[in-house]
Amino acid sequence: MQELKRAREIIDDVSKETDSILLFHSLSGKDSIVLLDLCYKKFKRVVVVFMYIVKDLEHIMRYYNYAKPSTRTLSLFKFLIMLYFMI
């Protein structure tokens, strides 16, 4: 639990400097989910960015639909990662 305490301290320090934050998010990982929850409580505006390779995966969209903005406080942006393979 030391990691969670330290994360809260850092978020508190940052929230004293700004009321907005940009958060890169995996939309499926437990660390990202906890971090979004912590930030959402401390900032007036949270901009969440996540990148994907395969569009509309069920397990990702489930969380996206849960986390998508119901208020103007949270903004979600999706970016497609284009992969190029050289053979």
C-alpha atoms as a PDB file:
ATOM      1  CA  MET A   1       0.000   0.000   0.000  1.00  0.00           C
ATOM      2  CA  GLN A   2       3.029   2.304   0.112  1.00  0.00           C
ATOM      3  CA  GLU A   3       2.754   2.753  -3.666  1.00  0.00           C
ATOM      4  CA  LEU A   4      -0.849   3.955  -3.372  1.00  0.00           C
ATOM      5  CA  LYS A   5       0.065   6.372  -0.587  1.00  0.00           C
ATOM      6  CA  ARG A   6       2.936   7.759  -2.661  1.00  0.00           C
ATOM      7  CA  ALA A   7       0.696   8.069  -5.740  1.00  0.00           C
ATOM      8  CA  ARG A   8      -1.830  10.070  -3.708  1.00  0.00           C
ATOM      9  CA  GLU A   9       0.935  12.372  -2.434  1.00  0.00           C
ATOM     10  CA  ILE A  10       2.186  13.032  -5.957  1.00  0.00           C
ATOM     11  CA  ILE A  11      -1.340  13.657  -7.273  1.00  0.00           C
ATOM     12  CA  ASP A  12      -1.984  16.051  -4.372  1.00  0.00           C
ATOM     13  CA  ASP A  13       1.215  17.963  -5.181  1.00  0.00           C
ATOM     14  CA  VAL A  14       0.346  18.211  -8.872  1.00  0.00           C
ATOM     15  CA  SER A  15      -3.237  19.291  -8.116  1.00  0.00           C
ATOM     16  CA  LYS A  16      -1.852  22.266  -6.174  1.00  0.00           C
ATOM     17  CA  GLU A  17      -0.179  23.473  -9.385  1.00  0.00           C
ATOM     18  CA  THR A  18      -2.961  22.868 -11.921  1.00  0.00           C
ATOM     19  CA  ASP A  19      -6.631  21.937 -12.142  1.00  0.00           C
ATOM     20  CA  SER A  20      -6.240  19.899 -15.361  1.00  0.00           C
ATOM     21  CA  ILE A  21      -4.288  16.777 -16.170  1.00  0.00           C
ATOM     22  CA  LEU A  22      -3.471  14.666 -19.241  1.00  0.00           C
ATOM     23  CA  LEU A  23      -3.510  10.939 -18.515  1.00  0.00           C
ATOM     24  CA  PHE A  24      -2.311   8.226 -20.887  1.00  0.00           C
ATOM     25  CA  HIS A  25      -4.446   5.192 -20.136  1.00  0.00           C
ATOM     26  CA  SER A  26      -4.489   1.532 -21.178  1.00  0.00           C
ATOM     27  CA  LEU A  27      -8.273   1.209 -20.732  1.00  0.00           C
ATOM     28  CA  SER A  28      -7.878  -2.281 -19.368  1.00  0.00           C
ATOM     29  CA  GLY A  29      -5.039  -2.312 -16.865  1.00  0.00           C
ATOM     30  CA  LYS A  30      -5.678  -2.130 -13.141  1.00  0.00           C
ATOM     31  CA  ASP A  31      -3.010   0.533 -12.648  1.00  0.00           C
ATOM     32  CA  SER A  32      -4.625   2.804 -15.235  1.00  0.00           C
ATOM     33  CA  ILE A  33      -8.080   2.292 -13.742  1.00  0.00           C
ATOM     34  CA  VAL A  34      -6.879   3.176 -10.235  1.00  0.00           C
ATOM     35  CA  LEU A  35      -4.917   6.177 -11.487  1.00  0.00           C
ATOM     36  CA  LEU A  36      -7.937   7.547 -13.352  1.00  0.00           C
ATOM     37  CA  ASP A  37     -10.061   7.155 -10.228  1.00  0.00           C
ATOM     38  CA  LEU A  38      -7.476   8.999  -8.106  1.00  0.00           C
ATOM     39  CA  CYS A  39      -7.054  11.817 -10.641  1.00  0.00           C
ATOM     40  CA  TYR A  40     -10.785  12.208 -11.259  1.00  0.00           C
ATOM     41  CA  LYS A  41     -11.267  13.053  -7.577  1.00  0.00           C
ATOM     42  CA  LYS A  42      -8.541  15.734  -7.536  1.00  0.00           C
ATOM     43  CA  PHE A  43      -8.750  17.620 -10.826  1.00  0.00           C
ATOM     44  CA  LYS A  44     -11.466  19.708 -12.432  1.00  0.00           C
ATOM     45  CA  ARG A  45     -10.538  18.399 -15.871  1.00  0.00           C
ATOM     46  CA  VAL A  46      -9.016  15.043 -16.777  1.00  0.00           C
ATOM     47  CA  VAL A  47      -8.080  14.391 -20.409  1.00  0.00           C
ATOM     48  CA  VAL A  48      -7.589  10.680 -21.029  1.00  0.00           C
ATOM     49  CA  VAL A  49      -5.695   9.419 -24.070  1.00  0.00           C
ATOM     50  CA  PHE A  50      -5.447   5.804 -25.109  1.00  0.00           C
ATOM     51  CA  MET A  51      -3.988   4.160 -28.164  1.00  0.00           C
ATOM     52  CA  TYR A  52      -5.219   1.022 -29.829  1.00  0.00           C
ATOM     53  CA  ILE A  53      -4.253  -1.319 -32.624  1.00  0.00           C
ATOM     54  CA  VAL A  54      -7.442  -3.357 -33.029  1.00  0.00           C
ATOM     55  CA  LYS A  55     -10.615  -1.301 -33.198  1.00  0.00           C
ATOM     56  CA  ASP A  56     -13.533  -1.956 -30.815  1.00  0.00           C
ATOM     57  CA  LEU A  57     -12.200  -4.913 -28.851  1.00  0.00           C
ATOM     58  CA  GLU A  58     -14.961  -6.004 -26.480  1.00  0.00           C
ATOM     59  CA  HIS A  59     -12.916  -5.943 -23.262  1.00  0.00           C
ATOM     60  CA  ILE A  60     -11.564  -2.463 -24.110  1.00  0.00           C
ATOM     61  CA  MET A  61     -14.912  -1.024 -25.192  1.00  0.00           C
ATOM     62  CA  ARG A  62     -16.550  -2.276 -21.996  1.00  0.00           C
ATOM     63  CA  TYR A  63     -14.259  -0.065 -19.936  1.00  0.00           C
ATOM     64  CA  TYR A  64     -14.363   2.772 -22.465  1.00  0.00           C
ATOM     65  CA  ASN A  65     -18.155   2.875 -22.206  1.00  0.00           C
ATOM     66  CA  TYR A  66     -17.907   2.795 -18.413  1.00  0.00           C
ATOM     67  CA  ALA A  67     -15.344   5.608 -18.291  1.00  0.00           C
ATOM     68  CA  LYS A  68     -16.560   7.769 -21.160  1.00  0.00           C
ATOM     69  CA  PRO A  69     -17.519  11.288 -20.187  1.00  0.00           C
ATOM     70  CA  SER A  70     -20.861  11.774 -18.538  1.00  0.00           C
ATOM     71  CA  THR A  71     -19.792  15.249 -17.492  1.00  0.00           C
ATOM     72  CA  ARG A  72     -17.511  17.875 -18.981  1.00  0.00           C
ATOM     73  CA  THR A  73     -14.801  16.960 -16.462  1.00  0.00           C
ATOM     74  CA  LEU A  74     -13.512  13.928 -18.334  1.00  0.00           C
ATOM     75  CA  SER A  75     -12.455  13.839 -21.995  1.00  0.00           C
ATOM     76  CA  LEU A  76     -11.486  10.630 -23.771  1.00  0.00           C
ATOM     77  CA  PHE A  77      -9.437  10.533 -26.950  1.00  0.00           C
ATOM     78  CA  LYS A  78      -8.699   7.425 -29.011  1.00  0.00           C
ATOM     79  CA  PHE A  79      -5.700   7.120 -31.304  1.00  0.00           C
ATOM     80  CA  LEU A  80      -5.163   4.289 -33.736  1.00  0.00           C
ATOM     81  CA  ILE A  81      -1.619   2.988 -33.749  1.00  0.00           C
ATOM     82  CA  MET A  82      -0.549   2.268 -37.274  1.00  0.00           C
ATOM     83  CA  LEU A  83       1.960  -0.545 -37.506  1.00  0.00           C
ATOM     84  CA  TYR A  84       4.162  -1.062 -40.525  1.00  0.00           C
ATOM     85  CA  PHE A  85       6.087  -4.252 -41.039  1.00  0.00           C
ATOM     86  CA  MET A  86       9.006  -4.565 -43.378  1.00  0.00           C
ATOM     87  CA  ILE A  87       9.595  -8.003 -44.811  1.00  0.00           C
END
